[in-house]
Protein backbone atom coordinates (compact mmCIF):
# COMPACT_ATOMS: atom_id res chain seq x y z
CA MET A 1 91.10 89.49 120.36
CA ASN A 2 87.44 88.97 121.64
CA PHE A 3 85.37 90.98 119.84
CA SER A 4 81.64 90.25 119.19
CA LYS A 5 81.42 90.15 115.64
CA ILE A 6 83.91 90.24 112.44
CA GLY A 7 82.95 91.58 109.25
CA ILE A 8 84.73 91.08 105.72
CA ILE A 9 83.53 93.44 103.01
CA ILE A 10 84.85 92.61 99.56
CA PRO A 11 83.28 95.09 96.41
CA THR A 12 83.22 93.13 93.22
CA LEU A 13 82.47 93.69 89.43
CA ASN A 14 82.81 90.53 87.33
CA ALA A 15 85.29 88.80 89.36
CA GLY A 16 86.09 86.09 86.85
CA PRO A 17 86.51 82.37 86.48
CA TYR A 18 88.63 81.95 89.45
CA TRP A 19 86.57 83.66 91.66
CA VAL A 20 85.40 80.43 93.22
CA ASN A 21 89.17 79.82 94.26
CA PHE A 22 89.39 83.36 95.92
CA LEU A 23 86.43 82.66 98.31
CA SER A 24 87.51 79.03 99.22
CA SER A 25 90.97 80.35 100.09
CA ILE A 26 89.58 82.75 102.51
CA ASP A 27 86.60 80.17 103.67
CA LYS A 28 88.50 78.98 106.92
CA LEU A 29 88.34 82.41 108.68
CA PRO A 30 89.88 81.94 112.36
CA PHE A 31 86.74 83.87 113.89
CA LYS A 32 83.80 82.56 115.37
CA ASN A 33 81.49 85.46 114.98
CA VAL A 34 81.94 86.62 111.42
CA ARG A 35 79.82 88.26 108.74
CA LYS A 36 80.72 87.96 105.01
CA LEU A 37 79.74 90.75 102.64
CA ILE A 38 80.13 91.01 98.86
CA ILE A 39 78.78 94.30 97.17
CA ASP A 40 78.44 93.28 93.56
CA SER A 41 77.95 96.24 91.00
CA SER A 42 75.85 94.30 89.02
CA SER A 43 78.64 91.81 87.21
CA THR A 44 77.68 89.91 83.98
CA ASP A 45 79.31 86.85 84.67
CA GLU A 46 78.74 84.13 87.77
CA THR A 47 80.34 86.41 90.86
CA ALA A 48 77.16 86.96 92.56
CA ASN A 49 75.94 83.18 92.28
CA ILE A 50 79.19 81.98 92.77
CA SER A 51 79.16 84.32 96.10
CA ILE A 52 75.98 83.07 97.51
CA LYS A 53 76.50 79.72 96.71
CA ALA A 54 79.52 79.67 98.86
CA GLY A 55 77.72 81.08 102.08
CA TRP A 56 78.15 85.20 101.62
CA GLU A 57 75.77 87.48 101.76
CA VAL A 58 75.42 89.44 98.43
CA LYS A 59 74.21 92.78 97.98
CA ILE A 60 73.83 93.55 94.46
CA ILE A 61 73.98 97.40 93.49
CA ASN A 62 73.86 98.99 90.07
CA SER A 63 77.12 99.61 88.07
CA SER A 64 76.64 103.29 87.72
CA ASP A 65 76.00 103.31 91.72
CA PHE A 66 79.56 102.30 92.36
CA ASN A 67 81.86 104.76 94.71
CA HIS A 68 84.35 103.99 96.57
CA GLY A 69 83.92 105.61 99.53
CA GLY A 70 79.93 105.33 99.23
CA THR A 71 79.96 101.82 98.14
CA ARG A 72 82.16 100.89 101.26
CA GLN A 73 80.33 102.98 103.50
CA LEU A 74 77.51 101.04 102.22
CA GLY A 75 79.02 97.40 103.34
CA ALA A 76 79.82 99.33 106.97
CA GLU A 77 75.70 100.26 107.40
CA ILE A 78 74.55 96.77 106.35
CA LEU A 79 77.12 95.11 108.61
CA GLU A 80 76.05 97.36 111.26
CA ASP A 81 76.49 94.48 114.36
CA CYS A 82 80.25 94.22 113.64
CA GLU A 83 82.71 95.62 115.74
CA ILE A 84 85.58 95.33 113.21
CA LEU A 85 85.11 95.68 109.51
CA CYS A 86 87.82 94.28 107.07
CA TYR A 87 87.97 95.11 103.55
CA LEU A 88 89.45 93.37 100.66
CA THR A 89 89.54 93.89 96.88
CA GLN A 90 88.34 91.05 94.93
CA ASP A 91 92.14 90.81 93.06
CA VAL A 92 94.23 89.80 95.77
CA ILE A 93 95.76 86.48 97.05
CA VAL A 94 95.37 85.61 100.79
CA ASP A 95 97.07 81.99 101.38
CA ASP A 96 96.76 81.86 104.89
CA CYS A 97 93.92 82.75 106.67
CA SER A 98 95.98 83.27 110.07
CA VAL A 99 96.68 86.52 108.89
CA PHE A 100 93.60 87.80 109.68
CA ASN A 101 93.97 87.39 113.07
CA LEU A 102 97.46 89.20 112.99
CA LEU A 103 95.61 91.86 111.20
CA ILE A 104 92.45 92.32 113.77
CA GLY A 105 95.37 91.92 116.77
CA SER A 106 96.60 95.13 115.61
CA PHE A 107 93.40 96.69 117.51
CA SER A 108 94.88 95.30 121.09
CA ASP A 109 95.44 98.90 121.29
CA SER A 110 92.67 100.58 121.95
CA LYS A 111 93.90 103.56 120.27
CA VAL A 112 94.11 102.12 117.01
CA GLY A 113 91.25 103.13 114.57
CA ALA A 114 92.51 101.46 111.06
CA VAL A 115 95.29 99.04 110.32
CA CYS A 116 96.55 97.89 106.71
CA GLY A 117 98.59 94.72 105.99
CA ARG A 118 101.63 94.49 104.11
CA GLN A 119 101.24 93.49 100.26
CA LEU A 120 103.73 91.69 98.57
CA PRO A 121 103.93 91.41 94.77
CA HIS A 122 102.43 88.67 92.43
CA LYS A 123 104.34 86.34 90.78
CA ASP A 124 103.88 88.08 87.42
CA ALA A 125 104.95 91.41 88.91
CA ASN A 126 106.94 93.84 86.58
CA PRO A 127 110.09 95.62 88.19
CA LEU A 128 107.96 98.79 88.81
CA ALA A 129 105.36 96.70 90.36
CA GLN A 130 108.06 95.12 92.93
CA HIS A 131 109.51 98.18 93.89
CA SER A 132 106.33 100.00 94.55
CA ARG A 133 105.20 97.05 96.95
CA LYS A 134 108.84 96.95 98.36
CA TYR A 135 108.48 100.98 98.86
CA ASN A 136 104.93 100.87 100.36
CA TYR A 137 104.93 97.98 102.19
CA PRO A 138 108.20 97.30 103.92
CA ASP A 139 108.92 94.78 106.25
CA LYS A 140 108.79 96.47 109.45
CA SER A 141 105.43 97.56 111.15
CA ASN A 142 104.72 100.84 112.36
CA ASP A 143 101.90 102.75 114.20
CA ARG A 144 101.11 106.39 113.36
CA THR A 145 99.44 109.35 115.26
CA PHE A 146 99.19 112.88 114.53
CA LYS A 147 102.30 113.58 115.94
CA ASP A 148 103.92 112.03 112.98
CA VAL A 149 102.50 114.57 110.46
CA ALA A 150 105.12 116.85 110.85
CA MET A 151 107.82 114.28 109.58
CA LEU A 152 105.65 112.16 107.32
CA GLY A 153 103.33 114.14 105.58
CA THR A 154 100.55 112.55 103.89
CA LYS A 155 102.47 109.40 104.60
CA ALA A 156 101.29 109.48 107.84
CA ALA A 157 97.75 108.52 106.53
CA PHE A 158 99.02 105.83 104.01
CA MET A 159 96.39 103.00 104.10
CA SER A 160 95.21 100.47 101.49
CA ASN A 161 91.60 98.93 101.51
CA SER A 162 92.83 96.12 99.31
CA PHE A 163 93.62 94.61 102.80
CA ALA A 164 92.81 96.69 105.65
CA ALA A 165 90.63 97.01 108.64
CA TYR A 166 88.78 99.43 110.69
CA ARG A 167 87.25 99.99 114.33
CA ARG A 168 83.51 100.82 113.69
CA SER A 169 83.83 103.16 116.58
CA ALA A 170 86.53 105.26 115.07
CA LEU A 171 84.97 105.12 111.56
CA ILE A 172 81.57 106.26 113.01
CA ASP A 173 83.91 109.30 115.02
CA VAL A 174 84.92 110.50 111.83
CA GLY A 175 81.37 110.22 109.94
CA GLY A 176 82.12 106.92 108.06
CA PHE A 177 83.58 106.36 104.24
CA PRO A 178 82.73 109.87 101.98
CA ASP A 179 79.35 109.02 99.70
CA ASN A 180 80.93 110.61 97.00
CA ILE A 181 85.25 110.46 96.16
CA ILE A 182 86.86 109.77 93.24
CA PHE A 183 89.48 107.77 94.91
CA GLY A 184 91.64 107.30 98.00
CA GLU A 185 88.99 106.80 100.47
CA ASP A 186 91.28 105.12 102.42
CA LEU A 187 93.43 108.37 102.75
CA TYR A 188 90.64 110.27 103.37
CA VAL A 189 89.19 108.09 106.71
CA THR A 190 92.63 107.74 107.96
CA ALA A 191 93.52 111.34 107.73
CA LYS A 192 90.21 112.26 109.90
CA MET A 193 91.42 109.40 112.43
CA LEU A 194 94.67 111.29 113.13
CA THR A 195 92.99 114.52 113.32
CA LYS A 196 90.75 113.05 116.01
CA GLY A 197 93.54 111.80 118.12
CA TRP A 198 93.03 107.95 116.78
CA SER A 199 95.99 106.09 115.67
CA VAL A 200 96.61 104.02 112.60
CA SER A 201 98.95 100.92 112.23
CA TYR A 202 100.97 99.40 109.41
CA ASN A 203 101.41 95.35 109.96
CA ALA A 204 103.87 94.01 108.11
CA SER A 205 103.06 90.54 109.74
CA ALA A 206 99.78 90.40 107.93
CA TYR A 207 100.37 90.02 104.44
CA CYS A 208 98.29 89.09 100.99
CA TYR A 209 99.72 89.16 97.46
CA HIS A 210 98.54 92.14 95.37
CA SER A 211 99.77 94.38 92.55
CA HIS A 212 99.20 95.81 89.44
CA ASN A 213 101.36 95.97 86.05
CA TYR A 214 100.21 99.42 85.35
CA THR A 215 100.62 100.72 81.57
CA ASN A 216 101.78 104.17 81.03
CA LEU A 217 97.86 105.34 80.28
CA GLN A 218 96.61 103.55 83.15
CA GLU A 219 99.45 105.24 85.14
CA PHE A 220 98.41 108.67 83.86
CA ARG A 221 94.65 108.08 84.82
CA ARG A 222 95.30 106.79 88.18
CA TYR A 223 97.32 109.85 89.33
CA PHE A 224 94.92 112.28 87.48
CA ASP A 225 92.48 110.83 89.57
CA ILE A 226 94.91 111.68 92.82
CA GLY A 227 95.40 114.98 91.63
CA VAL A 228 91.21 115.47 91.85
CA LEU A 229 91.01 113.82 95.31
CA TYR A 230 94.02 116.65 96.39
CA SER A 231 91.79 119.10 94.59
CA ARG A 232 88.34 118.48 96.09
CA GLU A 233 89.83 117.12 99.47
CA HIS A 234 92.18 120.45 99.88
CA TRP A 235 92.15 119.99 103.45
CA ILE A 236 94.24 117.15 103.46
CA VAL A 237 96.85 119.39 101.91
CA ASP A 238 96.55 122.12 104.06
CA ILE A 239 96.74 119.99 107.13
CA PHE A 240 99.47 117.07 106.13
CA GLY A 241 101.19 119.35 103.42
CA ASN A 242 101.65 118.47 99.94
CA ASN A 243 103.53 115.12 98.60
CA ARG A 244 105.96 116.70 96.60
CA LYS A 245 109.14 115.68 99.02
CA GLU A 246 107.89 112.00 98.90
CA GLY A 247 107.08 111.97 95.60
CA LEU A 248 110.74 112.73 94.79
CA GLU A 249 111.79 110.04 97.43
CA TYR A 250 109.97 107.84 95.57
CA VAL A 251 111.38 108.12 92.29
CA LYS A 252 115.15 108.03 93.68
CA SER A 253 114.10 104.72 95.42
CA GLU A 254 112.97 103.61 92.05
CA LEU A 255 115.75 104.70 90.13
CA SER A 256 118.36 102.75 92.84
CA TYR A 257 116.28 99.55 92.54
CA LEU A 258 116.36 99.49 89.02
CA ILE A 259 120.14 100.15 88.92
CA TYR A 260 120.65 97.09 90.73
CA ARG A 261 118.02 94.93 89.42
CA ASP A 262 117.08 95.64 85.83
CA ALA A 263 118.42 98.75 84.43
CA LEU A 264 116.62 98.15 81.19
CA TRP A 265 113.34 99.66 82.70
CA ILE A 266 114.90 102.92 83.96
CA PRO A 267 114.28 104.50 80.20
CA SER A 268 110.84 103.32 81.37
CA SER A 269 110.86 104.43 85.16
CA ILE A 270 111.61 108.07 83.82
CA LEU A 271 108.91 108.30 81.54
CA ARG A 272 106.48 107.18 83.65
CA ASN A 273 107.35 109.29 86.50
CA VAL A 274 107.08 112.22 83.89
CA THR A 275 103.81 110.91 82.67
CA LYS A 276 102.41 110.67 86.46
CA PHE A 277 103.64 114.35 87.64
CA LEU A 278 101.81 115.43 84.59
CA ALA A 279 98.64 113.83 85.00
CA TYR A 280 98.41 114.91 88.89
CA LYS A 281 98.82 118.18 87.75
CA LEU A 282 96.24 118.46 85.43
CA GLY A 283 93.92 116.54 88.13
CA ARG A 284 94.65 119.13 90.68
CA ASN A 285 93.39 121.83 88.07
CA GLU A 286 90.29 119.41 86.93
CA ARG A 287 87.76 122.39 87.86
CA ILE A 288 89.27 124.44 84.71
CA PHE A 289 88.34 121.55 82.38
CA PRO A 290 84.90 120.29 80.76
CA LYS A 291 83.76 117.33 82.67
CA LYS A 292 83.91 115.52 79.37
CA ILE A 293 87.34 115.93 79.30
CA ASN A 294 87.86 114.90 82.84
CA LYS A 295 85.98 111.96 82.31
CA PHE A 296 88.17 111.26 79.20
CA LEU A 297 91.57 111.61 81.45
CA SER A 298 90.11 109.72 84.44
CA MET A 299 90.46 105.97 85.77
CA ASN A 300 87.60 106.16 87.47
CA LYS A 301 84.80 107.44 84.84
CA ILE A 302 81.38 106.13 86.69
CA PHE A 303 82.40 109.04 88.96
CA TRP A 304 81.63 112.10 86.66
């Protein structure tokens, strides 16, 4: 693919002692013209200095100014000369830079507005985290258009900014990332793209390692935020439908996975899925609660 310039954007906050290893792991990017940008939320460790020494552009913002959508949009505006924008999170592992070529290769179809790669679980991933990656990131690639919404619902707009890329013209076409969103800025943008005639892709050949061993409390707060997203961006539900069916399919898949691999995790799975359901319902009704309560329940407290 011959794009004039590729941009790599990573939001950071206290990336830790292994940050230098992360940057060196993606130092040999397979592009001639590339800009590499770190947007750092005023880290108190050496994240910014390490990034500068490694040759990255660094934009420092106040931690209170971070927003999942607004910060990523800032990156797009800074790298205004890049045709393709790749977004990563600081906790992914890329062990082979050739996967970036595979990811960008999805844009050979001029109708593709966004693409995400496959995420494999970290070595320390528990069975629940392993299943999550297996379910959401299968070994077969796919392309989705608005026609697929009838069958897939919100799954048609699935995207993950931990390892994803966007065509600038498509991003501009949908107004960019929202400047104030609690969570799910990737879903928001890809849903907009689908409604405007773009297609979105999942490239299973382009992979990274990324997973989380969330506690029950972390799952609660995460799903509360998902509920808030659908409460405030109700147009997604209106157009794509609710995700109740998808949620049930996930639960059945997880239980089946655990039965054959680690049945001792089944009680934890049941408790966790009940927790996620209740948290989601609370999030969908966040407008009836005081701001203090919402902030307490939320994972993304800066939003409030």
